Amino acid sequence: MKLKLCTIGASGHLAYVLRDLPRLPGVEWVGYAPGAGEEREETLAKTASLAAASGLTVPVYLEDWREMLDALQPDVVAVDSHFARHAAIGAETLRRGIHLFLEKPLATELAGLEELRAVFAASDAQLAAMHGLRYDAAFHAAWAAVQSGAVGRIRLMHAQKSYRLGERPAIYRSRAAYGGTIPWVGSHAVDWLLWFAGTGFRSVYAAHSTRDNAGHGDLEMTALCQFQMEEGIHASVSLDYLRPATAPTHADDRIRIAGTDGVIEVRGGEALLIGPGQQGVQRLETAPQPGIFEDFVRQLQTGEPCRISAADSFAVTEACLLARTSADSGQAVAFPGKG
């Protein structure tokens, strides 16, 4: 039997789902809805356009996504609403025993995250966050090299996310709706740290600023996070919306991992290694990767774990929210049980 899929919202990375669907004959997209009761709060025009372009006639439920879940009883739901709604919609989905593919961050407040964690623990449903950059070919090549011991023991990591600002929708102007730049943009980079290191966080000191944000209200234009990780690893993250409009790409994503035997960098879409006894820089070979939703569906169908676990999904959101707490307070914050 096919897995029935519903989607809620279209504010972030719903494209992860829709671009994988043609490769998933075992999944049927049966309905979509906004994450709020009024479409004007969250436009679904792009979703409708993508459905039409795929030759699909998919019912839309504009009044209430709960009505959609009751009527269609899906097997899996992809939630991509305004970020502050993720935890509540996700928890309601899990309470119904529906598998959850949830936009990151999983929550914009710690209380919401803990409620979602508790509901997940009591459910038989599965969960993964939309950390799609684990499936980028260059980042995966670098990760595989690190796992093979190419740099020895990791001692230092730095990750960068730099974006064009452009003209952002209203959600980005409100901390209450947006959650902040560290949880939204930073979650990608924090996920890389957790993924590459394979170990957890102990403490974080962070700072952020809304200065020069071109009238975007609460939007933080810049942020810095310094993490102390297990095994004595030092890790930092820099975030900004300062990439010039004339830049050739929207984003400049980078990571540098320095270890006892070498250094790996990902930049400009390439994975670059300098190892012991090596002359010059080695460009690592890359290979096509599966889509993140495709990988999650495989987990649902076969039981083989996908690349982003529920545990990592929760850990990344927690790290980002604690980093935001540090940035708001100007004080370092210890992770639970690590003080």
C-alpha atoms as a PDB file:
ATOM      1  CA  MET A   1       0.000   0.000   0.000  1.00  0.00           C
ATOM      2  CA  LYS A   2       1.128   3.536  -0.715  1.00  0.00           C
ATOM      3  CA  LEU A   3       2.047   5.910   2.080  1.00  0.00           C
ATOM      4  CA  LYS A   4      -0.422   8.792   2.142  1.00  0.00           C
ATOM      5  CA  LEU A   5       1.300  12.181   2.479  1.00  0.00           C
ATOM      6  CA  CYS A   6      -0.148  15.492   3.637  1.00  0.00           C
ATOM      7  CA  THR A   7       1.777  18.765   3.764  1.00  0.00           C
ATOM      8  CA  ILE A   8       1.141  21.674   6.121  1.00  0.00           C
ATOM      9  CA  GLY A   9       2.544  25.100   5.295  1.00  0.00           C
ATOM     10  CA  ALA A  10       5.041  26.299   2.714  1.00  0.00           C
ATOM     11  CA  SER A  11       7.328  28.764   4.482  1.00  0.00           C
ATOM     12  CA  GLY A  12      10.687  27.001   4.332  1.00  0.00           C
ATOM     13  CA  HIS A  13      11.989  23.844   2.689  1.00  0.00           C
ATOM     14  CA  LEU A  14       8.862  22.140   1.384  1.00  0.00           C
ATOM     15  CA  ALA A  15      10.781  21.747  -1.889  1.00  0.00           C
ATOM     16  CA  TYR A  16      12.732  18.928  -0.207  1.00  0.00           C
ATOM     17  CA  VAL A  17       9.492  16.945  -0.275  1.00  0.00           C
ATOM     18  CA  LEU A  18       8.099  17.966  -3.634  1.00  0.00           C
ATOM     19  CA  ARG A  19      11.286  17.434  -5.624  1.00  0.00           C
ATOM     20  CA  ASP A  20      11.678  13.910  -4.205  1.00  0.00           C
ATOM     21  CA  LEU A  21       8.087  12.807  -4.912  1.00  0.00           C
ATOM     22  CA  PRO A  22       8.717  11.804  -8.574  1.00  0.00           C
ATOM     23  CA  ARG A  23      11.224   9.219  -7.274  1.00  0.00           C
ATOM     24  CA  LEU A  24       8.765   7.861  -4.696  1.00  0.00           C
ATOM     25  CA  PRO A  25       6.056   5.801  -6.401  1.00  0.00           C
ATOM     26  CA  GLY A  26       5.164   4.406  -2.979  1.00  0.00           C
ATOM     27  CA  VAL A  27       4.041   7.841  -1.721  1.00  0.00           C
ATOM     28  CA  GLU A  28       0.790   9.580  -2.663  1.00  0.00           C
ATOM     29  CA  TRP A  29       0.369  13.303  -1.903  1.00  0.00           C
ATOM     30  CA  VAL A  30      -3.272  13.478  -0.827  1.00  0.00           C
ATOM     31  CA  GLY A  31      -3.716  16.970   0.634  1.00  0.00           C
ATOM     32  CA  TYR A  32      -2.177  20.230   1.763  1.00  0.00           C
ATOM     33  CA  ALA A  33      -3.101  23.068   4.074  1.00  0.00           C
ATOM     34  CA  PRO A  34      -1.669  26.261   5.548  1.00  0.00           C
ATOM     35  CA  GLY A  35      -0.370  26.124   9.089  1.00  0.00           C
ATOM     36  CA  ALA A  36      -2.902  28.748  10.173  1.00  0.00           C
ATOM     37  CA  GLY A  37      -6.626  29.102   9.664  1.00  0.00           C
ATOM     38  CA  GLU A  38      -6.282  31.934   7.177  1.00  0.00           C
ATOM     39  CA  GLU A  39      -4.376  31.536   3.925  1.00  0.00           C
ATOM     40  CA  ARG A  40      -3.411  35.227   3.946  1.00  0.00           C
ATOM     41  CA  GLU A  41      -1.042  34.465   6.855  1.00  0.00           C
ATOM     42  CA  GLU A  42       0.809  31.843   4.847  1.00  0.00           C
ATOM     43  CA  THR A  43       0.488  31.736   1.098  1.00  0.00           C
ATOM     44  CA  LEU A  44       0.192  28.361  -0.600  1.00  0.00           C
ATOM     45  CA  ALA A  45       0.441  29.712  -4.137  1.00  0.00           C
ATOM     46  CA  LYS A  46       3.840  28.081  -4.669  1.00  0.00           C
ATOM     47  CA  THR A  47       2.556  24.746  -3.397  1.00  0.00           C
ATOM     48  CA  ALA A  48      -0.412  24.901  -5.740  1.00  0.00           C
ATOM     49  CA  SER A  49       1.866  25.804  -8.652  1.00  0.00           C
ATOM     50  CA  LEU A  50       4.186  22.873  -7.941  1.00  0.00           C
ATOM     51  CA  ALA A  51       1.256  20.490  -7.717  1.00  0.00           C
ATOM     52  CA  ALA A  52      -0.103  21.723 -11.045  1.00  0.00           C
ATOM     53  CA  ALA A  53       3.339  21.517 -12.685  1.00  0.00           C
ATOM     54  CA  SER A  54       3.542  17.888 -11.593  1.00  0.00           C
ATOM     55  CA  GLY A  55       0.172  17.166 -13.143  1.00  0.00           C
ATOM     56  CA  LEU A  56      -1.360  16.483  -9.746  1.00  0.00           C
ATOM     57  CA  THR A  57      -4.765  17.481  -8.458  1.00  0.00           C
ATOM     58  CA  VAL A  58      -4.244  17.691  -4.718  1.00  0.00           C
ATOM     59  CA  PRO A  59      -7.070  18.790  -2.390  1.00  0.00           C
ATOM     60  CA  VAL A  60      -6.367  21.920  -0.344  1.00  0.00           C
ATOM     61  CA  TYR A  61      -7.851  22.501   3.116  1.00  0.00           C
ATOM     62  CA  LEU A  62      -7.762  26.247   3.763  1.00  0.00           C
ATOM     63  CA  GLU A  63      -9.772  26.352   6.974  1.00  0.00           C
ATOM     64  CA  ASP A  64      -8.038  23.917   9.315  1.00  0.00           C
ATOM     65  CA  TRP A  65      -5.164  21.478   8.860  1.00  0.00           C
ATOM     66  CA  ARG A  66      -6.651  19.323  11.645  1.00  0.00           C
ATOM     67  CA  GLU A  67      -9.733  18.785   9.471  1.00  0.00           C
ATOM     68  CA  MET A  68      -7.407  17.568   6.723  1.00  0.00           C
ATOM     69  CA  LEU A  69      -5.705  15.071   9.043  1.00  0.00           C
ATOM     70  CA  ASP A  70      -9.075  13.774  10.264  1.00  0.00           C
ATOM     71  CA  ALA A  71     -10.504  13.449   6.767  1.00  0.00           C
ATOM     72  CA  LEU A  72      -7.497  11.944   4.991  1.00  0.00           C
ATOM     73  CA  GLN A  73      -5.757  10.031   7.814  1.00  0.00           C
ATOM     74  CA  PRO A  74      -2.275  10.286   6.257  1.00  0.00           C
ATOM     75  CA  ASP A  75       0.654   8.045   7.121  1.00  0.00           C
ATOM     76  CA  VAL A  76       3.211  10.869   7.022  1.00  0.00           C
ATOM     77  CA  VAL A  77       2.971  14.647   7.278  1.00  0.00           C
ATOM     78  CA  ALA A  78       5.531  17.235   6.191  1.00  0.00           C
ATOM     79  CA  VAL A  79       5.183  20.368   8.353  1.00  0.00           C
ATOM     80  CA  ASP A  80       6.697  23.580   6.972  1.00  0.00           C
ATOM     81  CA  SER A  81       4.626  26.351   8.526  1.00  0.00           C
ATOM     82  CA  HIS A  82       5.710  29.613  10.154  1.00  0.00           C
ATOM     83  CA  PHE A  83       8.540  28.574  12.430  1.00  0.00           C
ATOM     84  CA  ALA A  84       6.880  29.353  15.768  1.00  0.00           C
ATOM     85  CA  ARG A  85       4.068  26.924  14.864  1.00  0.00           C
ATOM     86  CA  HIS A  86       6.305  23.908  14.246  1.00  0.00           C
ATOM     87  CA  ALA A  87       6.218  22.460  17.747  1.00  0.00           C
ATOM     88  CA  ALA A  88       2.440  22.681  18.231  1.00  0.00           C
ATOM     89  CA  ILE A  89       1.560  21.307  14.779  1.00  0.00           C
ATOM     90  CA  GLY A  90       4.230  18.628  15.108  1.00  0.00           C
ATOM     91  CA  ALA A  91       2.983  17.525  18.531  1.00  0.00           C
ATOM     92  CA  GLU A  92      -0.617  17.250  17.290  1.00  0.00           C
ATOM     93  CA  THR A  93       0.578  15.209  14.317  1.00  0.00           C
ATOM     94  CA  LEU A  94       2.519  12.801  16.536  1.00  0.00           C
ATOM     95  CA  ARG A  95      -0.419  12.421  18.943  1.00  0.00           C
ATOM     96  CA  ARG A  96      -2.371  11.050  16.000  1.00  0.00           C
ATOM     97  CA  GLY A  97       0.354   8.453  15.358  1.00  0.00           C
ATOM     98  CA  ILE A  98       1.426  10.085  12.087  1.00  0.00           C
ATOM     99  CA  HIS A  99       5.084  10.058  11.007  1.00  0.00           C
ATOM    100  CA  LEU A 100       6.520  13.583  11.011  1.00  0.00           C
ATOM    101  CA  PHE A 101       8.928  15.264   8.595  1.00  0.00           C
ATOM    102  CA  LEU A 102       9.331  18.639  10.296  1.00  0.00           C
ATOM    103  CA  GLU A 103      10.994  21.865   9.194  1.00  0.00           C
ATOM    104  CA  LYS A 104      13.852  23.021  11.383  1.00  0.00           C
ATOM    105  CA  PRO A 105      14.047  24.350  14.017  1.00  0.00           C
ATOM    106  CA  LEU A 106      11.638  21.884  15.580  1.00  0.00           C
ATOM    107  CA  ALA A 107      10.555  24.637  17.978  1.00  0.00           C
ATOM    108  CA  THR A 108      11.321  28.284  18.638  1.00  0.00           C
ATOM    109  CA  GLU A 109      10.997  28.031  22.435  1.00  0.00           C
ATOM    110  CA  LEU A 110      12.456  25.486  24.862  1.00  0.00           C
ATOM    111  CA  ALA A 111       9.054  24.722  26.410  1.00  0.00           C
ATOM    112  CA  GLY A 112       7.643  23.825  23.003  1.00  0.00           C
ATOM    113  CA  LEU A 113      10.664  21.673  22.250  1.00  0.00           C
ATOM    114  CA  GLU A 114      10.270  19.726  25.499  1.00  0.00           C
ATOM    115  CA  GLU A 115       6.566  19.157  24.842  1.00  0.00           C
ATOM    116  CA  LEU A 116       7.345  17.900  21.349  1.00  0.00           C
ATOM    117  CA  ARG A 117      10.091  15.634  22.721  1.00  0.00           C
ATOM    118  CA  ALA A 118       7.703  14.159  25.297  1.00  0.00           C
ATOM    119  CA  VAL A 119       4.953  13.547  22.739  1.00  0.00           C
ATOM    120  CA  PHE A 120       7.454  11.903  20.386  1.00  0.00           C
ATOM    121  CA  ALA A 121       8.751   9.639  23.158  1.00  0.00           C
ATOM    122  CA  ALA A 122       5.194   8.466  23.865  1.00  0.00           C
ATOM    123  CA  SER A 123       4.420   7.853  20.187  1.00  0.00           C
ATOM    124  CA  ASP A 124       5.233   5.028  17.804  1.00  0.00           C
ATOM    125  CA  ALA A 125       5.622   7.547  14.981  1.00  0.00           C
ATOM    126  CA  GLN A 126       8.988   8.467  13.484  1.00  0.00           C
ATOM    127  CA  LEU A 127      10.470  11.966  13.102  1.00  0.00           C
ATOM    128  CA  ALA A 128      13.195  13.724  11.145  1.00  0.00           C
ATOM    129  CA  ALA A 129      14.003  17.436  10.786  1.00  0.00           C
ATOM    130  CA  MET A 130      14.634  19.039   7.392  1.00  0.00           C
ATOM    131  CA  HIS A 131      18.432  19.237   7.710  1.00  0.00           C
ATOM    132  CA  GLY A 132      18.860  18.785   3.988  1.00  0.00           C
ATOM    133  CA  LEU A 133      22.468  19.952   3.763  1.00  0.00           C
ATOM    134  CA  ARG A 134      23.606  16.580   5.134  1.00  0.00           C
ATOM    135  CA  TYR A 135      22.690  15.448   1.623  1.00  0.00           C
ATOM    136  CA  ASP A 136      24.831  18.018  -0.205  1.00  0.00           C
ATOM    137  CA  ALA A 137      27.457  16.125  -2.216  1.00  0.00           C
ATOM    138  CA  ALA A 138      30.468  18.190  -1.083  1.00  0.00           C
ATOM    139  CA  PHE A 139      29.494  18.161   2.585  1.00  0.00           C
ATOM    140  CA  HIS A 140      28.864  14.428   2.468  1.00  0.00           C
ATOM    141  CA  ALA A 141      32.249  13.787   0.826  1.00  0.00           C
ATOM    142  CA  ALA A 142      33.963  15.784   3.567  1.00  0.00           C
ATOM    143  CA  TRP A 143      31.984  14.003   6.285  1.00  0.00           C
ATOM    144  CA  ALA A 144      32.869  10.581   4.859  1.00  0.00           C
ATOM    145  CA  ALA A 145      36.563  11.529   4.763  1.00  0.00           C
ATOM    146  CA  VAL A 146      36.462  12.686   8.395  1.00  0.00           C
ATOM    147  CA  GLN A 147      34.767   9.433   9.423  1.00  0.00           C
ATOM    148  CA  SER A 148      37.505   7.477   7.650  1.00  0.00           C
ATOM    149  CA  GLY A 149      40.148   9.247   9.760  1.00  0.00           C
ATOM    150  CA  ALA A 150      41.450  11.658   7.104  1.00  0.00           C
ATOM    151  CA  VAL A 151      42.079  14.437   9.641  1.00  0.00           C
ATOM    152  CA  GLY A 152      42.705  12.316  12.728  1.00  0.00           C
ATOM    153  CA  ARG A 153      41.005  13.466  15.930  1.00  0.00           C
ATOM    154  CA  ILE A 154      38.931  16.629  15.457  1.00  0.00           C
ATOM    155  CA  ARG A 155      40.197  19.527  17.567  1.00  0.00           C
ATOM    156  CA  LEU A 156      38.581  22.610  15.982  1.00  0.00           C
ATOM    157  CA  MET A 157      35.630  23.334  13.695  1.00  0.00           C
ATOM    158  CA  HIS A 158      34.203  26.482  12.163  1.00  0.00           C
ATOM    159  CA  ALA A 159      30.990  26.645  10.111  1.00  0.00           C
ATOM    160  CA  GLN A 160      29.692  29.600   8.100  1.00  0.00           C
ATOM    161  CA  LYS A 161      26.284  30.510   6.706  1.00  0.00           C
ATOM    162  CA  SER A 162      26.148  33.745   4.711  1.00  0.00           C
ATOM    163  CA  TYR A 163      23.010  34.778   2.794  1.00  0.00           C
ATOM    164  CA  ARG A 164      21.763  37.613   0.633  1.00  0.00           C
ATOM    165  CA  LEU A 165      19.165  39.599   2.557  1.00  0.00           C
ATOM    166  CA  GLY A 166      16.843  40.672  -0.236  1.00  0.00           C
ATOM    167  CA  GLU A 167      13.335  41.671   0.805  1.00  0.00           C
ATOM    168  CA  ARG A 168      12.174  39.161   3.406  1.00  0.00           C
ATOM    169  CA  PRO A 169       8.508  38.277   4.123  1.00  0.00           C
ATOM    170  CA  ALA A 170       6.814  39.655   7.222  1.00  0.00           C
ATOM    171  CA  ILE A 171       7.550  36.524   9.265  1.00  0.00           C
ATOM    172  CA  TYR A 172      11.245  37.484   9.379  1.00  0.00           C
ATOM    173  CA  ARG A 173      10.468  40.829  10.992  1.00  0.00           C
ATOM    174  CA  SER A 174       8.970  39.286  14.146  1.00  0.00           C
ATOM    175  CA  ARG A 175      10.941  37.254  16.691  1.00  0.00           C
ATOM    176  CA  ALA A 176       7.653  35.724  17.862  1.00  0.00           C
ATOM    177  CA  ALA A 177       7.018  34.251  14.401  1.00  0.00           C
ATOM    178  CA  TYR A 178      10.568  33.821  13.077  1.00  0.00           C
ATOM    179  CA  GLY A 179      12.367  32.622  16.205  1.00  0.00           C
ATOM    180  CA  GLY A 180      15.634  34.366  15.394  1.00  0.00           C
ATOM    181  CA  THR A 181      18.550  33.950  13.017  1.00  0.00           C
ATOM    182  CA  ILE A 182      20.425  31.480  15.223  1.00  0.00           C
ATOM    183  CA  PRO A 183      17.588  28.881  15.288  1.00  0.00           C
ATOM    184  CA  TRP A 184      16.611  29.412  11.637  1.00  0.00           C
ATOM    185  CA  VAL A 185      19.879  29.911   9.742  1.00  0.00           C
ATOM    186  CA  GLY A 186      22.205  28.622  12.439  1.00  0.00           C
ATOM    187  CA  SER A 187      20.500  25.240  12.676  1.00  0.00           C
ATOM    188  CA  HIS A 188      22.134  24.199   9.387  1.00  0.00           C
ATOM    189  CA  ALA A 189      25.622  24.997  10.674  1.00  0.00           C
ATOM    190  CA  VAL A 190      25.027  23.613  14.178  1.00  0.00           C
ATOM    191  CA  ASP A 191      23.821  20.404  12.554  1.00  0.00           C
ATOM    192  CA  TRP A 192      27.121  20.114  10.677  1.00  0.00           C
ATOM    193  CA  LEU A 193      29.045  20.400  13.941  1.00  0.00           C
ATOM    194  CA  LEU A 194      27.038  17.597  15.535  1.00  0.00           C
ATOM    195  CA  TRP A 195      27.214  15.452  12.402  1.00  0.00           C
ATOM    196  CA  PHE A 196      30.948  15.783  11.811  1.00  0.00           C
ATOM    197  CA  ALA A 197      31.992  15.476  15.445  1.00  0.00           C
ATOM    198  CA  GLY A 198      29.583  12.696  16.361  1.00  0.00           C
ATOM    199  CA  THR A 199      29.531  14.019  19.902  1.00  0.00           C
ATOM    200  CA  GLY A 200      27.436  16.449  21.933  1.00  0.00           C
ATOM    201  CA  PHE A 201      27.632  20.019  23.218  1.00  0.00           C
ATOM    202  CA  ARG A 202      28.676  21.137  26.688  1.00  0.00           C
ATOM    203  CA  SER A 203      28.237  24.934  26.635  1.00  0.00           C
ATOM    204  CA  VAL A 204      27.756  27.902  24.314  1.00  0.00           C
ATOM    205  CA  TYR A 205      28.507  31.618  24.295  1.00  0.00           C
ATOM    206  CA  ALA A 206      26.815  33.611  21.533  1.00  0.00           C
ATOM    207  CA  ALA A 207      26.047  37.128  20.315  1.00  0.00           C
ATOM    208  CA  HIS A 208      23.712  38.539  17.662  1.00  0.00           C
ATOM    209  CA  SER A 209      22.681  41.949  16.338  1.00  0.00           C
ATOM    210  CA  THR A 210      19.788  43.506  14.390  1.00  0.00           C
ATOM    211  CA  ARG A 211      21.880  46.508  13.282  1.00  0.00           C
ATOM    212  CA  ASP A 212      21.732  47.494   9.610  1.00  0.00           C
ATOM    213  CA  ASN A 213      18.943  45.067   8.794  1.00  0.00           C
ATOM    214  CA  ALA A 214      17.323  47.377   6.212  1.00  0.00           C
ATOM    215  CA  GLY A 215      14.090  47.813   8.146  1.00  0.00           C
ATOM    216  CA  HIS A 216      13.517  44.112   8.830  1.00  0.00           C
ATOM    217  CA  GLY A 217      12.353  44.608  12.415  1.00  0.00           C
ATOM    218  CA  ASP A 218      13.609  41.876  14.757  1.00  0.00           C
ATOM    219  CA  LEU A 219      15.753  40.127  12.135  1.00  0.00           C
ATOM    220  CA  GLU A 220      19.309  39.587  13.395  1.00  0.00           C
ATOM    221  CA  MET A 221      21.722  40.369  10.572  1.00  0.00           C
ATOM    222  CA  THR A 222      24.766  38.823  12.235  1.00  0.00           C
ATOM    223  CA  ALA A 223      25.433  36.172  14.854  1.00  0.00           C
ATOM    224  CA  LEU A 224      28.403  34.328  16.331  1.00  0.00           C
ATOM    225  CA  CYS A 225      28.268  31.162  18.440  1.00  0.00           C
ATOM    226  CA  GLN A 226      31.141  29.478  20.238  1.00  0.00           C
ATOM    227  CA  PHE A 227      30.474  25.937  21.431  1.00  0.00           C
ATOM    228  CA  GLN A 228      32.449  23.738  23.768  1.00  0.00           C
ATOM    229  CA  MET A 229      31.825  20.146  22.727  1.00  0.00           C
ATOM    230  CA  GLU A 230      32.558  16.773  24.242  1.00  0.00           C
ATOM    231  CA  GLU A 231      36.100  15.406  23.863  1.00  0.00           C
ATOM    232  CA  GLY A 232      37.522  18.925  24.149  1.00  0.00           C
ATOM    233  CA  ILE A 233      36.427  20.025  20.674  1.00  0.00           C
ATOM    234  CA  HIS A 234      36.106  23.786  20.118  1.00  0.00           C
ATOM    235  CA  ALA A 235      33.525  24.776  17.503  1.00  0.00           C
ATOM    236  CA  SER A 236      32.209  28.078  16.210  1.00  0.00           C
ATOM    237  CA  VAL A 237      29.475  29.267  13.869  1.00  0.00           C
ATOM    238  CA  SER A 238      29.176  32.590  12.038  1.00  0.00           C
ATOM    239  CA  LEU A 239      25.888  33.697  10.488  1.00  0.00           C
ATOM    240  CA  ASP A 240      25.045  36.738   8.415  1.00  0.00           C
ATOM    241  CA  TYR A 241      22.662  38.246   5.887  1.00  0.00           C
ATOM    242  CA  LEU A 242      25.450  40.413   4.466  1.00  0.00           C
ATOM    243  CA  ARG A 243      26.169  38.573   1.220  1.00  0.00           C
ATOM    244  CA  PRO A 244      25.978  41.183  -1.551  1.00  0.00           C
ATOM    245  CA  ALA A 245      23.027  41.109  -3.905  1.00  0.00           C
ATOM    246  CA  THR A 246      25.505  40.838  -6.790  1.00  0.00           C
ATOM    247  CA  ALA A 247      27.051  37.629  -5.439  1.00  0.00           C
ATOM    248  CA  PRO A 248      26.837  34.698  -7.884  1.00  0.00           C
ATOM    249  CA  THR A 249      24.878  32.505  -5.456  1.00  0.00           C
ATOM    250  CA  HIS A 250      22.324  33.174  -2.732  1.00  0.00           C
ATOM    251  CA  ALA A 251      24.351  31.407  -0.022  1.00  0.00           C
ATOM    252  CA  ASP A 252      27.999  30.919   0.889  1.00  0.00           C
ATOM    253  CA  ASP A 253      28.127  27.743   2.991  1.00  0.00           C
ATOM    254  CA  ARG A 254      31.440  26.636   4.480  1.00  0.00           C
ATOM    255  CA  ILE A 255      32.951  24.425   7.134  1.00  0.00           C
ATOM    256  CA  ARG A 256      36.526  23.896   8.241  1.00  0.00           C
ATOM    257  CA  ILE A 257      37.522  20.872  10.328  1.00  0.00           C
ATOM    258  CA  ALA A 258      41.030  20.859  11.773  1.00  0.00           C
ATOM    259  CA  GLY A 259      42.306  17.626  13.268  1.00  0.00           C
ATOM    260  CA  THR A 260      45.487  16.066  14.546  1.00  0.00           C
ATOM    261  CA  ASP A 261      46.386  14.720  11.067  1.00  0.00           C
ATOM    262  CA  GLY A 262      44.953  17.216   8.610  1.00  0.00           C
ATOM    263  CA  VAL A 263      42.379  19.809   7.632  1.00  0.00           C
ATOM    264  CA  ILE A 264      39.233  19.518   5.523  1.00  0.00           C
ATOM    265  CA  GLU A 265      37.293  22.477   4.171  1.00  0.00           C
ATOM    266  CA  VAL A 266      34.053  22.723   2.245  1.00  0.00           C
ATOM    267  CA  ARG A 267      33.739  25.945   0.292  1.00  0.00           C
ATOM    268  CA  GLY A 268      32.533  26.960  -3.133  1.00  0.00           C
ATOM    269  CA  GLY A 269      30.771  23.627  -3.517  1.00  0.00           C
ATOM    270  CA  GLU A 270      34.004  21.642  -3.172  1.00  0.00           C
ATOM    271  CA  ALA A 271      35.484  19.452  -0.444  1.00  0.00           C
ATOM    272  CA  LEU A 272      39.204  20.137   0.000  1.00  0.00           C
ATOM    273  CA  LEU A 273      41.657  18.052   2.043  1.00  0.00           C
ATOM    274  CA  ILE A 274      45.186  18.732   3.241  1.00  0.00           C
ATOM    275  CA  GLY A 275      46.609  15.607   4.873  1.00  0.00           C
ATOM    276  CA  PRO A 276      49.971  14.526   6.293  1.00  0.00           C
ATOM    277  CA  GLY A 277      52.686  14.074   3.700  1.00  0.00           C
ATOM    278  CA  GLN A 278      50.384  15.462   1.031  1.00  0.00           C
ATOM    279  CA  GLN A 279      51.577  17.898  -1.586  1.00  0.00           C
ATOM    280  CA  GLY A 280      49.016  20.633  -2.157  1.00  0.00           C
ATOM    281  CA  VAL A 281      45.272  20.426  -1.749  1.00  0.00           C
ATOM    282  CA  GLN A 282      43.282  17.329  -2.698  1.00  0.00           C
ATOM    283  CA  ARG A 283      39.801  17.887  -4.134  1.00  0.00           C
ATOM    284  CA  LEU A 284      37.661  15.035  -2.884  1.00  0.00           C
ATOM    285  CA  GLU A 285      35.444  13.187  -5.325  1.00  0.00           C
ATOM    286  CA  THR A 286      31.734  13.739  -4.837  1.00  0.00           C
ATOM    287  CA  ALA A 287      28.806  11.507  -5.688  1.00  0.00           C
ATOM    288  CA  PRO A 288      25.087  12.159  -6.112  1.00  0.00           C
ATOM    289  CA  GLN A 289      23.184  11.831  -2.858  1.00  0.00           C
ATOM    290  CA  PRO A 290      19.587  10.799  -2.189  1.00  0.00           C
ATOM    291  CA  GLY A 291      17.053  13.452  -1.278  1.00  0.00           C
ATOM    292  CA  ILE A 292      16.386  13.912   2.426  1.00  0.00           C
ATOM    293  CA  PHE A 293      12.667  13.140   2.142  1.00  0.00           C
ATOM    294  CA  GLU A 294      13.459  10.168  -0.070  1.00  0.00           C
ATOM    295  CA  ASP A 295      15.790   8.929   2.684  1.00  0.00           C
ATOM    296  CA  PHE A 296      13.154   9.444   5.398  1.00  0.00           C
ATOM    297  CA  VAL A 297      10.566   7.528   3.363  1.00  0.00           C
ATOM    298  CA  ARG A 298      13.082   4.697   2.961  1.00  0.00           C
ATOM    299  CA  GLN A 299      13.368   4.601   6.768  1.00  0.00           C
ATOM    300  CA  LEU A 300       9.589   4.358   7.086  1.00  0.00           C
ATOM    301  CA  GLN A 301       9.388   1.598   4.492  1.00  0.00           C
ATOM    302  CA  THR A 302      12.425  -0.516   5.439  1.00  0.00           C
ATOM    303  CA  GLY A 303      13.361   0.449   9.011  1.00  0.00           C
ATOM    304  CA  GLU A 304      16.908   1.352   7.945  1.00  0.00           C
ATOM    305  CA  PRO A 305      17.799   4.654   9.683  1.00  0.00           C
ATOM    306  CA  CYS A 306      17.990   7.754   7.546  1.00  0.00           C
ATOM    307  CA  ARG A 307      20.917  10.162   7.746  1.00  0.00           C
ATOM    308  CA  ILE A 308      19.247  12.568  10.184  1.00  0.00           C
ATOM    309  CA  SER A 309      17.958  10.871  13.330  1.00  0.00           C
ATOM    310  CA  ALA A 310      15.230  12.100  15.651  1.00  0.00           C
ATOM    311  CA  ALA A 311      17.829  12.387  18.437  1.00  0.00           C
ATOM    312  CA  ASP A 312      20.036  14.664  16.312  1.00  0.00           C
ATOM    313  CA  SER A 313      16.983  16.667  15.212  1.00  0.00           C
ATOM    314  CA  PHE A 314      16.118  17.441  18.838  1.00  0.00           C
ATOM    315  CA  ALA A 315      19.760  18.067  19.809  1.00  0.00           C
ATOM    316  CA  VAL A 316      20.325  20.645  17.057  1.00  0.00           C
ATOM    317  CA  THR A 317      17.201  22.631  17.956  1.00  0.00           C
ATOM    318  CA  GLU A 318      18.133  22.573  21.647  1.00  0.00           C
ATOM    319  CA  ALA A 319      21.659  23.801  20.850  1.00  0.00           C
ATOM    320  CA  CYS A 320      20.301  26.668  18.752  1.00  0.00           C
ATOM    321  CA  LEU A 321      17.769  27.759  21.367  1.00  0.00           C
ATOM    322  CA  LEU A 322      20.409  27.720  24.111  1.00  0.00           C
ATOM    323  CA  ALA A 323      22.734  29.722  21.847  1.00  0.00           C
ATOM    324  CA  ARG A 324      19.950  32.270  21.308  1.00  0.00           C
ATOM    325  CA  THR A 325      19.448  32.424  25.088  1.00  0.00           C
ATOM    326  CA  SER A 326      23.151  33.176  25.462  1.00  0.00           C
ATOM    327  CA  ALA A 327      23.019  35.868  22.789  1.00  0.00           C
ATOM    328  CA  ASP A 328      20.009  37.519  24.437  1.00  0.00           C
ATOM    329  CA  SER A 329      21.569  37.453  27.927  1.00  0.00           C
ATOM    330  CA  GLY A 330      25.231  38.039  27.106  1.00  0.00           C
ATOM    331  CA  GLN A 331      26.109  35.042  29.293  1.00  0.00           C
ATOM    332  CA  ALA A 332      27.485  31.609  28.517  1.00  0.00           C
ATOM    333  CA  VAL A 333      24.927  28.808  28.855  1.00  0.00           C
ATOM    334  CA  ALA A 334      25.642  25.236  29.924  1.00  0.00           C
ATOM    335  CA  PHE A 335      23.704  22.368  28.359  1.00  0.00           C
ATOM    336  CA  PRO A 336      21.463  20.337  30.658  1.00  0.00           C
ATOM    337  CA  GLY A 337      23.564  17.948  32.723  1.00  0.00           C
ATOM    338  CA  LYS A 338      26.821  19.508  31.475  1.00  0.00           C
ATOM    339  CA  GLY A 339      27.250  22.393  33.945  1.00  0.00           C
END
